Amino acid sequence: MKARVQVMLKDGVLDPQGEAVRHALGAMGFGGIEGVRQGKIIELDLADGVTYADVTEMCEKLLANTVIESYAIEMA
Protein backbone atom coordinates (compact mmCIF):
# COMPACT_ATOMS: atom_id res chain seq x y z
CA MET A 1 0.00 0.00 0.00
CA LYS A 2 1.12 3.56 -0.62
CA ALA A 3 0.39 6.81 1.16
CA ARG A 4 0.92 10.28 -0.23
CA VAL A 5 1.20 13.15 2.22
CA GLN A 6 0.86 16.72 0.97
CA VAL A 7 2.31 19.30 3.37
CA MET A 8 1.59 23.02 2.90
CA LEU A 9 2.10 26.13 4.97
CA LYS A 10 -1.09 27.21 6.71
CA ASP A 11 -2.94 30.28 5.41
CA GLY A 12 -1.46 33.42 6.89
CA VAL A 13 2.05 31.97 7.26
CA LEU A 14 4.58 33.80 5.10
CA ASP A 15 6.00 31.67 2.29
CA PRO A 16 9.35 33.16 1.21
CA GLN A 17 10.06 30.31 -1.23
CA GLY A 18 6.67 30.79 -2.87
CA GLU A 19 7.27 34.53 -3.09
CA ALA A 20 10.68 33.93 -4.71
CA VAL A 21 9.05 31.65 -7.30
CA ARG A 22 6.33 34.26 -7.98
CA HIS A 23 8.96 36.96 -8.45
CA ALA A 24 11.08 34.74 -10.75
CA LEU A 25 8.08 33.86 -12.90
CA GLY A 26 7.31 37.57 -13.30
CA ALA A 27 10.94 38.29 -14.22
CA MET A 28 10.73 35.56 -16.87
CA GLY A 29 7.75 37.28 -18.47
CA PHE A 30 4.95 35.16 -17.01
CA GLY A 31 2.22 37.59 -16.06
CA GLY A 32 -0.92 37.15 -14.05
CA ILE A 33 0.66 35.28 -11.14
CA GLU A 34 -0.78 36.85 -8.02
CA GLY A 35 0.57 34.36 -5.51
CA VAL A 36 2.50 31.13 -5.13
CA ARG A 37 2.44 28.69 -2.21
CA GLN A 38 5.11 26.02 -2.17
CA GLY A 39 4.76 22.72 -0.33
CA LYS A 40 6.06 19.20 -0.39
CA ILE A 41 4.80 15.74 -1.29
CA ILE A 42 5.99 12.74 0.71
CA GLU A 43 5.30 9.27 -0.70
CA LEU A 44 5.42 6.32 1.67
CA ASP A 45 5.51 2.63 0.73
CA LEU A 46 3.66 0.95 3.57
CA ALA A 47 3.80 -2.61 4.83
CA ASP A 48 0.57 -4.52 5.40
CA GLY A 49 -1.13 -3.43 8.57
CA VAL A 50 -0.04 0.21 8.53
CA THR A 51 -3.20 2.27 8.95
CA TYR A 52 -4.38 5.78 8.16
CA ALA A 53 -4.09 6.49 11.89
CA ASP A 54 -0.44 5.39 11.80
CA VAL A 55 0.30 7.78 8.91
CA THR A 56 -1.52 10.56 10.75
CA GLU A 57 0.70 9.97 13.76
CA MET A 58 3.77 10.11 11.49
CA CYS A 59 2.60 13.49 10.21
CA GLU A 60 1.91 14.83 13.68
CA LYS A 61 5.29 13.70 15.04
CA LEU A 62 7.68 14.22 12.13
CA LEU A 63 6.45 14.88 8.60
CA ALA A 64 4.68 18.20 9.25
CA ASN A 65 5.33 21.07 11.61
CA THR A 66 1.70 21.36 12.67
CA VAL A 67 2.25 24.81 14.20
CA ILE A 68 2.73 26.33 10.74
CA GLU A 69 1.85 23.54 8.30
CA SER A 70 -1.22 21.55 7.40
CA TYR A 71 -1.24 18.15 5.75
CA ALA A 72 -3.50 15.91 3.69
CA ILE A 73 -3.15 12.14 3.40
CA GLU A 74 -4.13 9.96 0.43
CA MET A 75 -4.00 6.18 0.84
CA ALA A 76 -3.97 3.90 -2.21
C-alpha atoms as a PDB file:
ATOM      1  CA  MET A   1       0.000   0.000   0.000  1.00  0.00           C
ATOM      2  CA  LYS A   2       1.119   3.561  -0.620  1.00  0.00           C
ATOM      3  CA  ALA A   3       0.393   6.812   1.160  1.00  0.00           C
ATOM      4  CA  ARG A   4       0.920  10.282  -0.235  1.00  0.00           C
ATOM      5  CA  VAL A   5       1.199  13.151   2.222  1.00  0.00           C
ATOM      6  CA  GLN A   6       0.864  16.718   0.975  1.00  0.00           C
ATOM      7  CA  VAL A   7       2.311  19.303   3.373  1.00  0.00           C
ATOM      8  CA  MET A   8       1.586  23.023   2.903  1.00  0.00           C
ATOM      9  CA  LEU A   9       2.103  26.126   4.974  1.00  0.00           C
ATOM     10  CA  LYS A  10      -1.095  27.211   6.705  1.00  0.00           C
ATOM     11  CA  ASP A  11      -2.941  30.276   5.410  1.00  0.00           C
ATOM     12  CA  GLY A  12      -1.465  33.418   6.889  1.00  0.00           C
ATOM     13  CA  VAL A  13       2.053  31.967   7.263  1.00  0.00           C
ATOM     14  CA  LEU A  14       4.582  33.802   5.104  1.00  0.00           C
ATOM     15  CA  ASP A  15       5.997  31.673   2.288  1.00  0.00           C
ATOM     16  CA  PRO A  16       9.346  33.157   1.213  1.00  0.00           C
ATOM     17  CA  GLN A  17      10.055  30.310  -1.234  1.00  0.00           C
ATOM     18  CA  GLY A  18       6.673  30.794  -2.868  1.00  0.00           C
ATOM     19  CA  GLU A  19       7.273  34.529  -3.090  1.00  0.00           C
ATOM     20  CA  ALA A  20      10.683  33.934  -4.710  1.00  0.00           C
ATOM     21  CA  VAL A  21       9.050  31.651  -7.304  1.00  0.00           C
ATOM     22  CA  ARG A  22       6.328  34.259  -7.982  1.00  0.00           C
ATOM     23  CA  HIS A  23       8.959  36.955  -8.454  1.00  0.00           C
ATOM     24  CA  ALA A  24      11.084  34.741 -10.745  1.00  0.00           C
ATOM     25  CA  LEU A  25       8.084  33.864 -12.898  1.00  0.00           C
ATOM     26  CA  GLY A  26       7.308  37.568 -13.298  1.00  0.00           C
ATOM     27  CA  ALA A  27      10.936  38.292 -14.217  1.00  0.00           C
ATOM     28  CA  MET A  28      10.730  35.560 -16.871  1.00  0.00           C
ATOM     29  CA  GLY A  29       7.747  37.280 -18.472  1.00  0.00           C
ATOM     30  CA  PHE A  30       4.946  35.156 -17.013  1.00  0.00           C
ATOM     31  CA  GLY A  31       2.224  37.592 -16.055  1.00  0.00           C
ATOM     32  CA  GLY A  32      -0.921  37.149 -14.054  1.00  0.00           C
ATOM     33  CA  ILE A  33       0.662  35.279 -11.143  1.00  0.00           C
ATOM     34  CA  GLU A  34      -0.781  36.852  -8.016  1.00  0.00           C
ATOM     35  CA  GLY A  35       0.569  34.361  -5.508  1.00  0.00           C
ATOM     36  CA  VAL A  36       2.499  31.127  -5.131  1.00  0.00           C
ATOM     37  CA  ARG A  37       2.440  28.688  -2.208  1.00  0.00           C
ATOM     38  CA  GLN A  38       5.112  26.017  -2.166  1.00  0.00           C
ATOM     39  CA  GLY A  39       4.761  22.725  -0.334  1.00  0.00           C
ATOM     40  CA  LYS A  40       6.061  19.204  -0.388  1.00  0.00           C
ATOM     41  CA  ILE A  41       4.805  15.738  -1.289  1.00  0.00           C
ATOM     42  CA  ILE A  42       5.993  12.742   0.707  1.00  0.00           C
ATOM     43  CA  GLU A  43       5.304   9.265  -0.704  1.00  0.00           C
ATOM     44  CA  LEU A  44       5.423   6.321   1.675  1.00  0.00           C
ATOM     45  CA  ASP A  45       5.513   2.634   0.733  1.00  0.00           C
ATOM     46  CA  LEU A  46       3.656   0.948   3.569  1.00  0.00           C
ATOM     47  CA  ALA A  47       3.796  -2.607   4.834  1.00  0.00           C
ATOM     48  CA  ASP A  48       0.573  -4.524   5.397  1.00  0.00           C
ATOM     49  CA  GLY A  49      -1.135  -3.431   8.573  1.00  0.00           C
ATOM     50  CA  VAL A  50      -0.044   0.210   8.527  1.00  0.00           C
ATOM     51  CA  THR A  51      -3.203   2.273   8.947  1.00  0.00           C
ATOM     52  CA  TYR A  52      -4.381   5.784   8.165  1.00  0.00           C
ATOM     53  CA  ALA A  53      -4.088   6.488  11.895  1.00  0.00           C
ATOM     54  CA  ASP A  54      -0.436   5.395  11.799  1.00  0.00           C
ATOM     55  CA  VAL A  55       0.298   7.776   8.913  1.00  0.00           C
ATOM     56  CA  THR A  56      -1.524  10.563  10.753  1.00  0.00           C
ATOM     57  CA  GLU A  57       0.701   9.968  13.764  1.00  0.00           C
ATOM     58  CA  MET A  58       3.773  10.110  11.493  1.00  0.00           C
ATOM     59  CA  CYS A  59       2.596  13.487  10.208  1.00  0.00           C
ATOM     60  CA  GLU A  60       1.906  14.832  13.681  1.00  0.00           C
ATOM     61  CA  LYS A  61       5.286  13.702  15.045  1.00  0.00           C
ATOM     62  CA  LEU A  62       7.682  14.218  12.126  1.00  0.00           C
ATOM     63  CA  LEU A  63       6.450  14.880   8.601  1.00  0.00           C
ATOM     64  CA  ALA A  64       4.676  18.201   9.246  1.00  0.00           C
ATOM     65  CA  ASN A  65       5.329  21.075  11.613  1.00  0.00           C
ATOM     66  CA  THR A  66       1.700  21.362  12.674  1.00  0.00           C
ATOM     67  CA  VAL A  67       2.245  24.806  14.198  1.00  0.00           C
ATOM     68  CA  ILE A  68       2.729  26.334  10.741  1.00  0.00           C
ATOM     69  CA  GLU A  69       1.853  23.537   8.298  1.00  0.00           C
ATOM     70  CA  SER A  70      -1.221  21.553   7.399  1.00  0.00           C
ATOM     71  CA  TYR A  71      -1.235  18.147   5.751  1.00  0.00           C
ATOM     72  CA  ALA A  72      -3.496  15.911   3.693  1.00  0.00           C
ATOM     73  CA  ILE A  73      -3.149  12.136   3.398  1.00  0.00           C
ATOM     74  CA  GLU A  74      -4.134   9.965   0.426  1.00  0.00           C
ATOM     75  CA  MET A  75      -4.004   6.185   0.842  1.00  0.00           C
ATOM     76  CA  ALA A  76      -3.972   3.902  -2.205  1.00  0.00           C
END
